[in-house]
C-alpha atoms as a PDB file:
ATOM      1  CA  MET A   1      77.054 130.497 129.431  1.00  0.00           C
ATOM      2  CA  LYS A   2      73.798 130.213 127.519  1.00  0.00           C
ATOM      3  CA  LYS A   3      73.968 129.057 123.905  1.00  0.00           C
ATOM      4  CA  SER A   4      72.602 132.353 122.519  1.00  0.00           C
ATOM      5  CA  ASN A   5      75.159 134.390 124.460  1.00  0.00           C
ATOM      6  CA  ARG A   6      77.966 132.078 123.394  1.00  0.00           C
ATOM      7  CA  VAL A   7      77.030 132.404 119.712  1.00  0.00           C
ATOM      8  CA  ALA A   8      76.844 136.199 120.031  1.00  0.00           C
ATOM      9  CA  TRP A   9      80.288 136.453 121.602  1.00  0.00           C
ATOM     10  CA  ILE A  10      81.806 134.083 119.044  1.00  0.00           C
ATOM     11  CA  GLY A  11      80.360 136.260 116.268  1.00  0.00           C
ATOM     12  CA  ALA A  12      81.770 139.424 117.848  1.00  0.00           C
ATOM     13  CA  ILE A  13      85.219 137.870 118.244  1.00  0.00           C
ATOM     14  CA  ALA A  14      85.181 136.611 114.650  1.00  0.00           C
ATOM     15  CA  LEU A  15      84.265 140.084 113.373  1.00  0.00           C
ATOM     16  CA  ALA A  16      87.054 141.667 115.418  1.00  0.00           C
ATOM     17  CA  VAL A  17      89.593 139.145 114.071  1.00  0.00           C
ATOM     18  CA  ILE A  18      88.534 139.868 110.475  1.00  0.00           C
ATOM     19  CA  ILE A  19      88.996 143.619 110.996  1.00  0.00           C
ATOM     20  CA  ILE A  20      92.417 143.151 112.620  1.00  0.00           C
ATOM     21  CA  LEU A  21      93.551 140.859 109.801  1.00  0.00           C
ATOM     22  CA  SER A  22      92.307 143.301 107.189  1.00  0.00           C
ATOM     23  CA  PHE A  23      94.335 146.035 108.925  1.00  0.00           C
ATOM     24  CA  PHE A  24      97.622 144.104 108.912  1.00  0.00           C
ATOM     25  CA  ALA A  25      97.080 142.318 105.600  1.00  0.00           C
ATOM     26  CA  ALA A  26      95.619 145.241 103.675  1.00  0.00           C
ATOM     27  CA  PRO A  27      96.629 145.457 100.023  1.00  0.00           C
ATOM     28  CA  ASN A  28      97.873 149.064 100.408  1.00  0.00           C
ATOM     29  CA  THR A  29     101.195 147.723 101.809  1.00  0.00           C
ATOM     30  CA  LYS A  30     102.519 148.354  98.265  1.00  0.00           C
ATOM     31  CA  ILE A  31     103.318 151.885  99.448  1.00  0.00           C
ATOM     32  CA  TYR A  32     106.299 150.533 101.401  1.00  0.00           C
ATOM     33  CA  SER A  33     107.937 149.105  98.272  1.00  0.00           C
ATOM     34  CA  GLY A  34     111.281 150.871  97.814  1.00  0.00           C
ATOM     35  CA  SER A  35     111.531 152.086 101.400  1.00  0.00           C
ATOM     36  CA  THR A  36     114.837 151.944 103.263  1.00  0.00           C
ATOM     37  CA  TYR A  37     112.879 150.654 106.269  1.00  0.00           C
ATOM     38  CA  SER A  38     111.776 147.588 104.292  1.00  0.00           C
ATOM     39  CA  ARG A  39     113.637 144.256 104.410  1.00  0.00           C
ATOM     40  CA  SER A  40     111.525 142.697 101.645  1.00  0.00           C
ATOM     41  CA  PRO A  41     113.132 141.975  98.240  1.00  0.00           C
ATOM     42  CA  ASP A  42     111.744 145.235  96.783  1.00  0.00           C
ATOM     43  CA  GLY A  43     112.942 147.315  99.748  1.00  0.00           C
ATOM     44  CA  TYR A  44     116.150 149.359 100.066  1.00  0.00           C
ATOM     45  CA  GLY A  45     117.177 148.561 103.629  1.00  0.00           C
ATOM     46  CA  ALA A  46     120.338 146.687 102.569  1.00  0.00           C
ATOM     47  CA  TRP A  47     121.456 149.501 100.242  1.00  0.00           C
ATOM     48  CA  TYR A  48     120.928 152.098 102.999  1.00  0.00           C
ATOM     49  CA  ALA A  49     123.080 150.016 105.366  1.00  0.00           C
ATOM     50  CA  PHE A  50     125.709 149.694 102.603  1.00  0.00           C
ATOM     51  CA  MET A  51     125.883 153.481 102.266  1.00  0.00           C
ATOM     52  CA  GLN A  52     126.422 153.889 106.006  1.00  0.00           C
ATOM     53  CA  GLN A  53     129.147 151.234 105.994  1.00  0.00           C
ATOM     54  CA  GLN A  54     130.921 153.178 103.247  1.00  0.00           C
ATOM     55  CA  GLY A  55     130.990 156.215 105.522  1.00  0.00           C
ATOM     56  CA  ILE A  56     128.635 158.179 103.272  1.00  0.00           C
ATOM     57  CA  THR A  57     126.376 160.546 105.157  1.00  0.00           C
ATOM     58  CA  ILE A  58     122.792 159.804 104.173  1.00  0.00           C
ATOM     59  CA  GLN A  59     119.582 160.825 105.927  1.00  0.00           C
ATOM     60  CA  ARG A  60     115.928 159.894 105.656  1.00  0.00           C
ATOM     61  CA  TRP A  61     113.510 162.704 104.728  1.00  0.00           C
ATOM     62  CA  GLN A  62     110.016 162.270 106.219  1.00  0.00           C
ATOM     63  CA  LYS A  63     108.315 165.554 105.322  1.00  0.00           C
ATOM     64  CA  PRO A  64     106.717 167.033 102.184  1.00  0.00           C
ATOM     65  CA  LEU A  65     109.263 168.335  99.697  1.00  0.00           C
ATOM     66  CA  GLU A  66     107.967 171.902 100.070  1.00  0.00           C
ATOM     67  CA  ASP A  67     108.894 171.801 103.769  1.00  0.00           C
ATOM     68  CA  PHE A  68     112.593 171.558 102.904  1.00  0.00           C
ATOM     69  CA  LYS A  69     114.102 174.842 104.064  1.00  0.00           C
ATOM     70  CA  PRO A  70     116.632 176.490 101.750  1.00  0.00           C
ATOM     71  CA  GLU A  71     120.239 175.701 102.644  1.00  0.00           C
ATOM     72  CA  ASN A  72     123.556 177.046 101.479  1.00  0.00           C
ATOM     73  CA  THR A  73     124.602 173.499 100.620  1.00  0.00           C
ATOM     74  CA  PRO A  74     122.814 171.906  97.645  1.00  0.00           C
ATOM     75  CA  VAL A  75     120.915 168.675  98.279  1.00  0.00           C
ATOM     76  CA  THR A  76     120.471 165.444  96.313  1.00  0.00           C
ATOM     77  CA  LEU A  77     117.197 163.663  97.021  1.00  0.00           C
ATOM     78  CA  LEU A  78     116.564 160.010  96.084  1.00  0.00           C
ATOM     79  CA  ARG A  79     112.972 158.982  95.388  1.00  0.00           C
ATOM     80  CA  VAL A  80     112.165 155.299  94.850  1.00  0.00           C
ATOM     81  CA  SER A  81     108.626 155.117  93.473  1.00  0.00           C
ATOM     82  CA  SER A  82     106.272 152.505  94.893  1.00  0.00           C
ATOM     83  CA  TYR A  83     104.184 152.709  91.715  1.00  0.00           C
ATOM     84  CA  PRO A  84     105.366 153.428  88.148  1.00  0.00           C
ATOM     85  CA  ARG A  85     105.121 157.159  87.480  1.00  0.00           C
ATOM     86  CA  GLY A  86     105.485 159.217  84.336  1.00  0.00           C
ATOM     87  CA  ALA A  87     108.902 160.449  83.213  1.00  0.00           C
ATOM     88  CA  TYR A  88     108.050 164.039  84.047  1.00  0.00           C
ATOM     89  CA  LEU A  89     108.504 166.389  86.973  1.00  0.00           C
ATOM     90  CA  LEU A  90     105.876 167.482  89.454  1.00  0.00           C
ATOM     91  CA  PHE A  91     105.540 171.151  90.384  1.00  0.00           C
ATOM     92  CA  ASP A  92     107.314 170.801  93.717  1.00  0.00           C
ATOM     93  CA  GLU A  93     110.091 168.823  92.015  1.00  0.00           C
ATOM     94  CA  GLN A  94     110.632 171.570  89.447  1.00  0.00           C
ATOM     95  CA  GLU A  95     110.934 174.159  92.232  1.00  0.00           C
ATOM     96  CA  TRP A  96     113.384 171.847  93.967  1.00  0.00           C
ATOM     97  CA  LEU A  97     115.649 171.677  90.907  1.00  0.00           C
ATOM     98  CA  GLU A  98     115.466 175.418  90.235  1.00  0.00           C
ATOM     99  CA  LYS A  99     117.109 175.969  93.623  1.00  0.00           C
ATOM    100  CA  GLY A 100     120.186 174.057  92.437  1.00  0.00           C
ATOM    101  CA  ASN A 101     119.311 170.723  94.007  1.00  0.00           C
ATOM    102  CA  ASN A 102     119.458 167.337  92.302  1.00  0.00           C
ATOM    103  CA  LEU A 103     116.747 164.716  92.111  1.00  0.00           C
ATOM    104  CA  ILE A 104     117.003 160.997  91.403  1.00  0.00           C
ATOM    105  CA  ILE A 105     113.759 159.185  90.568  1.00  0.00           C
ATOM    106  CA  LEU A 106     113.725 155.384  90.301  1.00  0.00           C
ATOM    107  CA  GLY A 107     110.715 153.715  88.683  1.00  0.00           C
ATOM    108  CA  VAL A 108     109.365 155.853  85.838  1.00  0.00           C
ATOM    109  CA  LYS A 109     107.055 154.468  83.170  1.00  0.00           C
ATOM    110  CA  THR A 110     108.659 153.935  79.787  1.00  0.00           C
ATOM    111  CA  PRO A 111     107.660 151.860  76.707  1.00  0.00           C
ATOM    112  CA  VAL A 112     108.118 148.089  76.680  1.00  0.00           C
ATOM    113  CA  THR A 113     110.715 147.009  74.124  1.00  0.00           C
ATOM    114  CA  GLU A 114     111.955 143.723  72.679  1.00  0.00           C
ATOM    115  CA  ALA A 115     114.801 143.596  75.210  1.00  0.00           C
ATOM    116  CA  ASN A 116     115.128 140.573  77.472  1.00  0.00           C
ATOM    117  CA  PHE A 117     113.464 141.010  80.835  1.00  0.00           C
ATOM    118  CA  HIS A 118     116.679 140.062  82.672  1.00  0.00           C
ATOM    119  CA  SER A 119     119.833 141.701  81.387  1.00  0.00           C
ATOM    120  CA  LEU A 120     123.335 142.773  82.472  1.00  0.00           C
ATOM    121  CA  GLN A 121     124.163 146.429  81.833  1.00  0.00           C
ATOM    122  CA  LYS A 122     127.818 147.460  81.701  1.00  0.00           C
ATOM    123  CA  SER A 123     128.993 150.148  84.112  1.00  0.00           C
ATOM    124  CA  ALA A 124     132.244 151.404  85.648  1.00  0.00           C
ATOM    125  CA  PHE A 125     131.550 149.097  88.628  1.00  0.00           C
ATOM    126  CA  GLY A 126     130.880 145.946  86.634  1.00  0.00           C
ATOM    127  CA  ASN A 127     127.684 144.416  85.315  1.00  0.00           C
ATOM    128  CA  VAL A 128     124.477 145.842  86.801  1.00  0.00           C
ATOM    129  CA  LYS A 129     121.532 143.439  86.908  1.00  0.00           C
ATOM    130  CA  ILE A 130     118.320 144.822  85.437  1.00  0.00           C
ATOM    131  CA  ALA A 131     114.891 143.159  85.485  1.00  0.00           C
ATOM    132  CA  THR A 132     112.701 145.070  83.038  1.00  0.00           C
ATOM    133  CA  LYS A 133     111.907 145.220  79.316  1.00  0.00           C
ATOM    134  CA  ARG A 134     111.181 148.951  79.524  1.00  0.00           C
ATOM    135  CA  ARG A 135     113.513 151.457  77.885  1.00  0.00           C
ATOM    136  CA  ASN A 136     113.461 155.135  76.992  1.00  0.00           C
ATOM    137  CA  ILE A 137     114.099 155.169  73.254  1.00  0.00           C
ATOM    138  CA  LYS A 138     114.040 158.972  72.864  1.00  0.00           C
ATOM    139  CA  VAL A 139     117.108 159.836  74.949  1.00  0.00           C
ATOM    140  CA  GLU A 140     120.255 160.938  73.167  1.00  0.00           C
ATOM    141  CA  LYS A 141     123.349 158.862  73.826  1.00  0.00           C
ATOM    142  CA  PRO A 142     125.293 161.532  75.820  1.00  0.00           C
ATOM    143  CA  SER A 143     122.481 161.620  78.371  1.00  0.00           C
ATOM    144  CA  ILE A 144     122.375 157.841  78.878  1.00  0.00           C
ATOM    145  CA  SER A 145     124.045 156.592  82.037  1.00  0.00           C
ATOM    146  CA  LEU A 146     122.961 152.960  81.695  1.00  0.00           C
ATOM    147  CA  GLY A 147     121.452 151.332  78.621  1.00  0.00           C
ATOM    148  CA  ASP A 148     121.792 149.138  75.562  1.00  0.00           C
ATOM    149  CA  ARG A 149     120.772 149.058  71.908  1.00  0.00           C
ATOM    150  CA  PHE A 150     117.107 148.980  72.905  1.00  0.00           C
ATOM    151  CA  GLY A 151     117.286 152.322  74.728  1.00  0.00           C
ATOM    152  CA  ALA A 152     118.116 153.976  78.041  1.00  0.00           C
ATOM    153  CA  VAL A 153     117.558 152.334  81.420  1.00  0.00           C
ATOM    154  CA  VAL A 154     119.053 155.242  83.400  1.00  0.00           C
ATOM    155  CA  TRP A 155     119.425 158.745  81.947  1.00  0.00           C
ATOM    156  CA  GLU A 156     119.744 162.320  83.168  1.00  0.00           C
ATOM    157  CA  GLU A 157     118.260 165.683  82.229  1.00  0.00           C
ATOM    158  CA  LYS A 158     119.149 169.235  83.153  1.00  0.00           C
ATOM    159  CA  SER A 159     116.458 171.355  84.758  1.00  0.00           C
ATOM    160  CA  GLY A 160     117.137 174.879  86.026  1.00  0.00           C
ATOM    161  CA  LYS A 161     120.250 174.959  88.168  1.00  0.00           C
ATOM    162  CA  GLY A 162     119.972 171.265  88.994  1.00  0.00           C
ATOM    163  CA  LYS A 163     119.596 167.934  87.259  1.00  0.00           C
ATOM    164  CA  VAL A 164     117.299 164.967  87.458  1.00  0.00           C
ATOM    165  CA  ILE A 165     118.238 161.325  86.916  1.00  0.00           C
ATOM    166  CA  PHE A 166     115.508 158.897  85.850  1.00  0.00           C
ATOM    167  CA  SER A 167     115.520 155.093  86.044  1.00  0.00           C
ATOM    168  CA  ALA A 168     113.112 152.827  84.181  1.00  0.00           C
ATOM    169  CA  THR A 169     113.297 150.285  87.024  1.00  0.00           C
ATOM    170  CA  PRO A 170     112.539 150.982  90.689  1.00  0.00           C
ATOM    171  CA  TYR A 171     114.650 147.958  91.725  1.00  0.00           C
ATOM    172  CA  LEU A 172     118.049 149.337  90.672  1.00  0.00           C
ATOM    173  CA  ALA A 173     119.618 148.538  94.085  1.00  0.00           C
ATOM    174  CA  ALA A 174     116.805 146.728  95.851  1.00  0.00           C
ATOM    175  CA  ASN A 175     117.416 144.123  98.570  1.00  0.00           C
ATOM    176  CA  ALA A 176     117.040 141.400  95.946  1.00  0.00           C
ATOM    177  CA  TYR A 177     120.399 142.515  94.453  1.00  0.00           C
ATOM    178  CA  GLN A 178     122.463 142.708  97.648  1.00  0.00           C
ATOM    179  CA  ASP A 179     124.578 139.784  96.413  1.00  0.00           C
ATOM    180  CA  ASN A 180     125.443 141.798  93.293  1.00  0.00           C
ATOM    181  CA  LEU A 181     127.646 144.574  94.665  1.00  0.00           C
ATOM    182  CA  SER A 182     127.779 146.361  91.306  1.00  0.00           C
ATOM    183  CA  ASN A 183     124.120 147.428  91.651  1.00  0.00           C
ATOM    184  CA  PHE A 184     124.756 148.989  95.071  1.00  0.00           C
ATOM    185  CA  GLN A 185     127.953 150.726  93.941  1.00  0.00           C
ATOM    186  CA  TYR A 186     126.343 152.064  90.780  1.00  0.00           C
ATOM    187  CA  LEU A 187     123.423 153.693  92.628  1.00  0.00           C
ATOM    188  CA  ALA A 188     125.850 155.059  95.227  1.00  0.00           C
ATOM    189  CA  SER A 189     127.794 156.798  92.427  1.00  0.00           C
ATOM    190  CA  LEU A 190     124.588 158.389  91.112  1.00  0.00           C
ATOM    191  CA  VAL A 191     123.463 159.867  94.422  1.00  0.00           C
ATOM    192  CA  ASN A 192     126.835 160.744  95.941  1.00  0.00           C
ATOM    193  CA  GLN A 193     127.371 164.127  94.305  1.00  0.00           C
ATOM    194  CA  LYS A 194     130.364 166.152  95.488  1.00  0.00           C
ATOM    195  CA  GLY A 195     129.386 169.058  97.749  1.00  0.00           C
ATOM    196  CA  HIS A 196     125.774 167.812  98.085  1.00  0.00           C
ATOM    197  CA  LYS A 197     123.944 166.614 101.146  1.00  0.00           C
ATOM    198  CA  LEU A 198     122.227 163.300 100.526  1.00  0.00           C
ATOM    199  CA  PHE A 199     118.643 162.463 101.524  1.00  0.00           C
ATOM    200  CA  VAL A 200     116.318 159.586 100.671  1.00  0.00           C
ATOM    201  CA  ASP A 201     112.588 160.364 100.582  1.00  0.00           C
ATOM    202  CA  GLU A 202     110.566 158.249 103.013  1.00  0.00           C
ATOM    203  CA  TYR A 203     107.593 160.597 103.092  1.00  0.00           C
ATOM    204  CA  ILE A 204     106.329 159.118  99.801  1.00  0.00           C
ATOM    205  CA  HIS A 205     106.310 155.708 101.542  1.00  0.00           C
ATOM    206  CA  GLY A 206     104.040 156.902 104.327  1.00  0.00           C
ATOM    207  CA  TYR A 207     106.642 157.731 106.991  1.00  0.00           C
ATOM    208  CA  LYS A 208     106.184 161.110 108.662  1.00  0.00           C
ATOM    209  CA  ASP A 209     107.938 163.049 111.400  1.00  0.00           C
ATOM    210  CA  ALA A 210     106.003 163.702 114.598  1.00  0.00           C
ATOM    211  CA  ASP A 211     105.469 167.416 113.832  1.00  0.00           C
ATOM    212  CA  VAL A 212     104.074 166.546 110.372  1.00  0.00           C
ATOM    213  CA  LYS A 213     101.654 164.005 111.854  1.00  0.00           C
ATOM    214  CA  GLU A 214     100.453 166.558 114.379  1.00  0.00           C
ATOM    215  CA  SER A 215      99.968 169.269 111.757  1.00  0.00           C
ATOM    216  CA  GLN A 216      98.007 166.814 109.584  1.00  0.00           C
ATOM    217  CA  GLY A 217      95.774 165.699 112.451  1.00  0.00           C
ATOM    218  CA  GLU A 218      97.532 162.356 112.937  1.00  0.00           C
ATOM    219  CA  GLY A 219      99.049 163.085 116.309  1.00  0.00           C
ATOM    220  CA  ASP A 220      97.166 160.355 118.134  1.00  0.00           C
ATOM    221  CA  LEU A 221      95.826 156.900 117.358  1.00  0.00           C
ATOM    222  CA  PHE A 222      92.191 158.028 117.199  1.00  0.00           C
ATOM    223  CA  SER A 223      92.973 160.699 114.604  1.00  0.00           C
ATOM    224  CA  TYR A 224      94.861 158.147 112.538  1.00  0.00           C
ATOM    225  CA  PHE A 225      92.019 155.635 112.518  1.00  0.00           C
ATOM    226  CA  ALA A 226      89.485 158.387 111.815  1.00  0.00           C
ATOM    227  CA  LYS A 227      91.136 158.919 108.413  1.00  0.00           C
ATOM    228  CA  THR A 228      91.322 155.268 107.455  1.00  0.00           C
ATOM    229  CA  PRO A 229      88.627 152.974 105.964  1.00  0.00           C
ATOM    230  CA  LEU A 230      88.770 150.996 109.208  1.00  0.00           C
ATOM    231  CA  PHE A 231      87.121 153.757 111.217  1.00  0.00           C
ATOM    232  CA  PRO A 232      83.534 152.962 110.100  1.00  0.00           C
ATOM    233  CA  ALA A 233      84.169 149.272 110.761  1.00  0.00           C
ATOM    234  CA  LEU A 234      85.481 150.003 114.258  1.00  0.00           C
ATOM    235  CA  VAL A 235      82.411 152.140 114.958  1.00  0.00           C
ATOM    236  CA  GLN A 236      80.172 149.257 113.885  1.00  0.00           C
ATOM    237  CA  VAL A 237      82.054 146.838 116.132  1.00  0.00           C
ATOM    238  CA  GLY A 238      81.660 149.237 119.049  1.00  0.00           C
ATOM    239  CA  VAL A 239      77.916 149.550 118.456  1.00  0.00           C
ATOM    240  CA  LEU A 240      77.610 145.762 118.146  1.00  0.00           C
ATOM    241  CA  LEU A 241      79.398 145.223 121.458  1.00  0.00           C
ATOM    242  CA  LEU A 242      77.190 147.786 123.184  1.00  0.00           C
ATOM    243  CA  VAL A 243      74.091 146.049 121.836  1.00  0.00           C
ATOM    244  CA  LEU A 244      75.360 142.688 123.045  1.00  0.00           C
ATOM    245  CA  ILE A 245      76.086 144.059 126.523  1.00  0.00           C
ATOM    246  CA  TRP A 246      72.705 145.786 126.684  1.00  0.00           C
ATOM    247  CA  ALA A 247      70.904 142.692 125.446  1.00  0.00           C
ATOM    248  CA  LYS A 248      72.643 140.506 127.988  1.00  0.00           C
ATOM    249  CA  ASN A 249      71.784 142.744 130.931  1.00  0.00           C
ATOM    250  CA  GLN A 250      68.419 144.237 129.953  1.00  0.00           C
ATOM    251  CA  ARG A 251      66.972 142.290 127.036  1.00  0.00           C
ATOM    252  CA  PHE A 252      65.479 145.644 125.937  1.00  0.00           C
ATOM    253  CA  GLY A 253      62.900 145.526 128.725  1.00  0.00           C
ATOM    254  CA  LYS A 254      62.297 144.728 132.366  1.00  0.00           C
ATOM    255  CA  PRO A 255      63.385 141.253 133.384  1.00  0.00           C
ATOM    256  CA  ILE A 256      60.478 138.809 133.658  1.00  0.00           C
ATOM    257  CA  ALA A 257      60.731 136.095 136.258  1.00  0.00           C
ATOM    258  CA  LEU A 258      60.075 132.629 134.914  1.00  0.00           C
ATOM    259  CA  GLU A 259      57.158 130.826 136.529  1.00  0.00           C
ATOM    260  CA  THR A 260      57.856 127.344 137.780  1.00  0.00           C
ATOM    261  CA  PRO A 261      55.285 125.044 136.189  1.00  0.00           C
ATOM    262  CA  VAL A 262      53.034 123.218 138.653  1.00  0.00           C
ATOM    263  CA  ILE A 263      53.443 119.496 138.233  1.00  0.00           C
ATOM    264  CA  ASP A 264      50.238 117.409 138.403  1.00  0.00           C
ATOM    265  CA  ASN A 265      51.527 114.254 140.060  1.00  0.00           C
ATOM    266  CA  SER A 266      48.324 112.322 139.375  1.00  0.00           C
ATOM    267  CA  GLN A 267      48.363 113.178 135.695  1.00  0.00           C
ATOM    268  CA  ALA A 268      52.064 112.402 135.440  1.00  0.00           C
ATOM    269  CA  TYR A 269      51.498 109.036 137.107  1.00  0.00           C
ATOM    270  CA  ILE A 270      48.624 108.203 134.787  1.00  0.00           C
ATOM    271  CA  GLN A 271      50.632 109.137 131.695  1.00  0.00           C
ATOM    272  CA  ALA A 272      53.601 107.093 132.875  1.00  0.00           C
ATOM    273  CA  LEU A 273      51.392 104.091 133.656  1.00  0.00           C
ATOM    274  CA  ALA A 274      49.660 104.383 130.288  1.00  0.00           C
ATOM    275  CA  GLY A 275      53.019 104.366 128.546  1.00  0.00           C
ATOM    276  CA  VAL A 276      54.089 101.217 130.374  1.00  0.00           C
ATOM    277  CA  LEU A 277      50.792  99.437 129.635  1.00  0.00           C
ATOM    278  CA  GLU A 278      50.979 100.412 125.977  1.00  0.00           C
ATOM    279  CA  LYS A 279      54.481  98.994 125.590  1.00  0.00           C
ATOM    280  CA  ALA A 280      53.398  95.805 127.412  1.00  0.00           C
ATOM    281  CA  GLU A 281      50.228  95.568 125.263  1.00  0.00           C
ATOM    282  CA  SER A 282      48.186  94.952 128.468  1.00  0.00           C
ATOM    283  CA  THR A 283      44.796  95.884 126.999  1.00  0.00           C
ATOM    284  CA  ASP A 284      43.072  93.291 129.252  1.00  0.00           C
ATOM    285  CA  PHE A 285      44.182  95.176 132.352  1.00  0.00           C
ATOM    286  CA  VAL A 286      43.076  98.487 130.847  1.00  0.00           C
ATOM    287  CA  VAL A 287      39.640  97.098 129.960  1.00  0.00           C
ATOM    288  CA  GLU A 288      39.165  95.708 133.490  1.00  0.00           C
ATOM    289  CA  MET A 289      40.184  98.910 135.292  1.00  0.00           C
ATOM    290  CA  VAL A 290      38.435 101.301 132.920  1.00  0.00           C
ATOM    291  CA  GLY A 291      35.326  99.086 132.839  1.00  0.00           C
ATOM    292  CA  LYS A 292      34.911  99.293 136.626  1.00  0.00           C
ATOM    293  CA  GLU A 293      35.266 103.069 136.573  1.00  0.00           C
ATOM    294  CA  GLU A 294      32.881 103.477 133.663  1.00  0.00           C
ATOM    295  CA  GLN A 295      30.246 101.358 135.476  1.00  0.00           C
ATOM    296  CA  ILE A 296      30.471 103.577 138.554  1.00  0.00           C
ATOM    297  CA  GLN A 297      30.115 106.696 136.373  1.00  0.00           C
ATOM    298  CA  LEU A 298      27.069 105.122 134.699  1.00  0.00           C
ATOM    299  CA  GLN A 299      25.517 104.306 138.104  1.00  0.00           C
ATOM    300  CA  LYS A 300      26.000 107.951 139.162  1.00  0.00           C
ATOM    301  CA  ALA A 301      24.245 109.093 136.029  1.00  0.00           C
ATOM    302  CA  LEU A 302      21.360 106.718 136.878  1.00  0.00           C
ATOM    303  CA  GLY A 303      21.284 107.884 140.497  1.00  0.00           C
ATOM    304  CA  LEU A 304      22.351 104.456 141.837  1.00  0.00           C
ATOM    305  CA  GLY A 305      25.362 105.518 143.959  1.00  0.00           C
ATOM    306  CA  THR A 306      28.978 104.375 143.710  1.00  0.00           C
ATOM    307  CA  ILE A 307      28.719 100.829 145.087  1.00  0.00           C
ATOM    308  CA  PRO A 308      28.989  98.341 142.184  1.00  0.00           C
ATOM    309  CA  LEU A 309      25.584  96.694 141.537  1.00  0.00           C
ATOM    310  CA  GLU A 310      24.786  93.298 140.122  1.00  0.00           C
ATOM    311  CA  ARG A 311      24.711  93.259 136.354  1.00  0.00           C
ATOM    312  CA  GLN A 312      21.007  92.319 136.052  1.00  0.00           C
ATOM    313  CA  THR A 313      19.951  95.155 138.354  1.00  0.00           C
ATOM    314  CA  LEU A 314      22.025  97.673 136.400  1.00  0.00           C
ATOM    315  CA  LEU A 315      20.696  96.404 133.065  1.00  0.00           C
ATOM    316  CA  GLN A 316      17.082  96.712 134.234  1.00  0.00           C
ATOM    317  CA  VAL A 317      17.427 100.254 135.574  1.00  0.00           C
ATOM    318  CA  TRP A 318      19.360 101.432 132.489  1.00  0.00           C
ATOM    319  CA  GLN A 319      16.678  99.964 130.168  1.00  0.00           C
ATOM    320  CA  GLU A 320      13.914 101.723 132.114  1.00  0.00           C
ATOM    321  CA  LYS A 321      15.744 105.063 132.064  1.00  0.00           C
ATOM    322  CA  THR A 322      16.851 105.020 128.399  1.00  0.00           C
ATOM    323  CA  GLY A 323      14.217 102.831 126.719  1.00  0.00           C
ATOM    324  CA  LYS A 324      16.980 101.050 124.858  1.00  0.00           C
ATOM    325  CA  SER A 325      17.719  97.339 124.615  1.00  0.00           C
ATOM    326  CA  ALA A 326      19.632  95.980 127.594  1.00  0.00           C
ATOM    327  CA  ALA A 327      21.718  93.905 125.156  1.00  0.00           C
ATOM    328  CA  GLU A 328      23.780  96.995 124.226  1.00  0.00           C
ATOM    329  CA  LEU A 329      24.915  97.595 127.792  1.00  0.00           C
ATOM    330  CA  ASP A 330      25.290  93.885 128.507  1.00  0.00           C
ATOM    331  CA  ALA A 331      27.783  93.449 125.637  1.00  0.00           C
ATOM    332  CA  VAL A 332      29.959  96.253 127.017  1.00  0.00           C
ATOM    333  CA  LEU A 333      29.827  94.920 130.592  1.00  0.00           C
ATOM    334  CA  LYS A 334      30.738  91.391 129.506  1.00  0.00           C
ATOM    335  CA  LEU A 335      33.908  92.605 127.760  1.00  0.00           C
ATOM    336  CA  SER A 336      35.031  94.177 131.036  1.00  0.00           C
ATOM    337  CA  THR A 337      34.909  90.796 132.812  1.00  0.00           C
ATOM    338  CA  GLN A 338      36.393  88.564 130.111  1.00  0.00           C
ATOM    339  CA  LYS A 339      40.029  89.501 130.950  1.00  0.00           C
ATOM    340  CA  GLN A 340      41.357  88.935 127.451  1.00  0.00           C
ATOM    341  CA  ARG A 341      43.567  91.089 125.260  1.00  0.00           C
ATOM    342  CA  ILE A 342      41.945  93.007 122.471  1.00  0.00           C
ATOM    343  CA  SER A 343      43.361  95.106 119.652  1.00  0.00           C
ATOM    344  CA  GLU A 344      43.828  98.839 119.875  1.00  0.00           C
ATOM    345  CA  GLY A 345      40.974  99.375 117.427  1.00  0.00           C
ATOM    346  CA  GLU A 346      38.618  97.227 119.515  1.00  0.00           C
ATOM    347  CA  LEU A 347      39.649  99.123 122.633  1.00  0.00           C
ATOM    348  CA  LEU A 348      38.837 102.488 121.031  1.00  0.00           C
ATOM    349  CA  SER A 349      35.476 101.170 119.799  1.00  0.00           C
ATOM    350  CA  TRP A 350      34.619  99.859 123.294  1.00  0.00           C
ATOM    351  CA  LEU A 351      35.429 103.252 124.876  1.00  0.00           C
ATOM    352  CA  ALA A 352      33.290 105.016 122.282  1.00  0.00           C
ATOM    353  CA  LYS A 353      30.319 102.767 123.188  1.00  0.00           C
ATOM    354  CA  TRP A 354      30.733 103.668 126.878  1.00  0.00           C
ATOM    355  CA  ARG A 355      30.450 107.388 126.012  1.00  0.00           C
ATOM    356  CA  THR A 356      27.197 106.655 124.179  1.00  0.00           C
ATOM    357  CA  LEU A 357      25.735 104.488 126.967  1.00  0.00           C
ATOM    358  CA  LYS A 358      26.384 107.128 129.635  1.00  0.00           C
ATOM    359  CA  ASP A 359      24.240 109.661 127.771  1.00  0.00           C
ATOM    360  CA  ILE A 360      21.187 109.418 130.004  1.00  0.00           C
ATOM    361  CA  PRO A 361      18.179 111.598 129.081  1.00  0.00           C
ATOM    362  CA  LYS A 362      17.045 113.953 131.841  1.00  0.00           C
END
């Protein structure tokens, strides 16, 4: 694989890994806090299993509250908030209570007091562990189910034909307290109302029945991703992959065949020989060989053929043709026959003189 293609594929794979990691490690996992499907310390999976072991009928509700069809039997619904919410009722919750149903909301926002963060609250089932400094200081004592001198931790209010129970902590019977049976028993006593069916709301934690997903356009994987922030990223990855495939096959144009360069063997040989002579500092050999060739070129310019002439004959003809002193040419010819090493500067000067001497006037 070519280096450019390899880099492109590595980049595409890295981008895909980042998107996958961002999907599984996204910060919005907070929504599952308090869910009975969760086994994390802030989940309620252990408490849900405890309720089943006690033979208490409890069901998960995975639809909007307004989809609950009226029944002859009243219903108690447990809602464990993933985020602190106000100690008030929403519109659908008020309608729910007016029908004679009960509602239990864990995790409402109340003022921070001077109470210790960790405390033991007395109950009919023993000490209940609480981890919060928040208390409701405005609740009258008869309405307090769990509390201390700093205020109420759990309290109840009447609303219509039903009642609502609030808790200042969402972790009343979380998995973190499964070794403290009193917490589990206390919450069980709150939700297990005589003559009521018991449900725990999982819809607020993102769990939905198949018919709800279909009605909300989440029936298939594509519809789900289309509503998430990942959809634009996935589109970009798809476009990037298409570009890479197109670039690899077409290069955005017709393929151009590479021309094989013609190798000049003579030139390559000369360059290789020159490199060897340079390393060996054999300037005497260069002067001898180049001097013979330069003399032949000079004879051609004088019209004397290619057979090497005697030096005196060449000097005489060159002087007659150029009108210059024969001593200039004689000095250059003598250096060619001395067979001694000269410096690189002297060699360049000698070659420059040859170029001047071969300039024969027409």
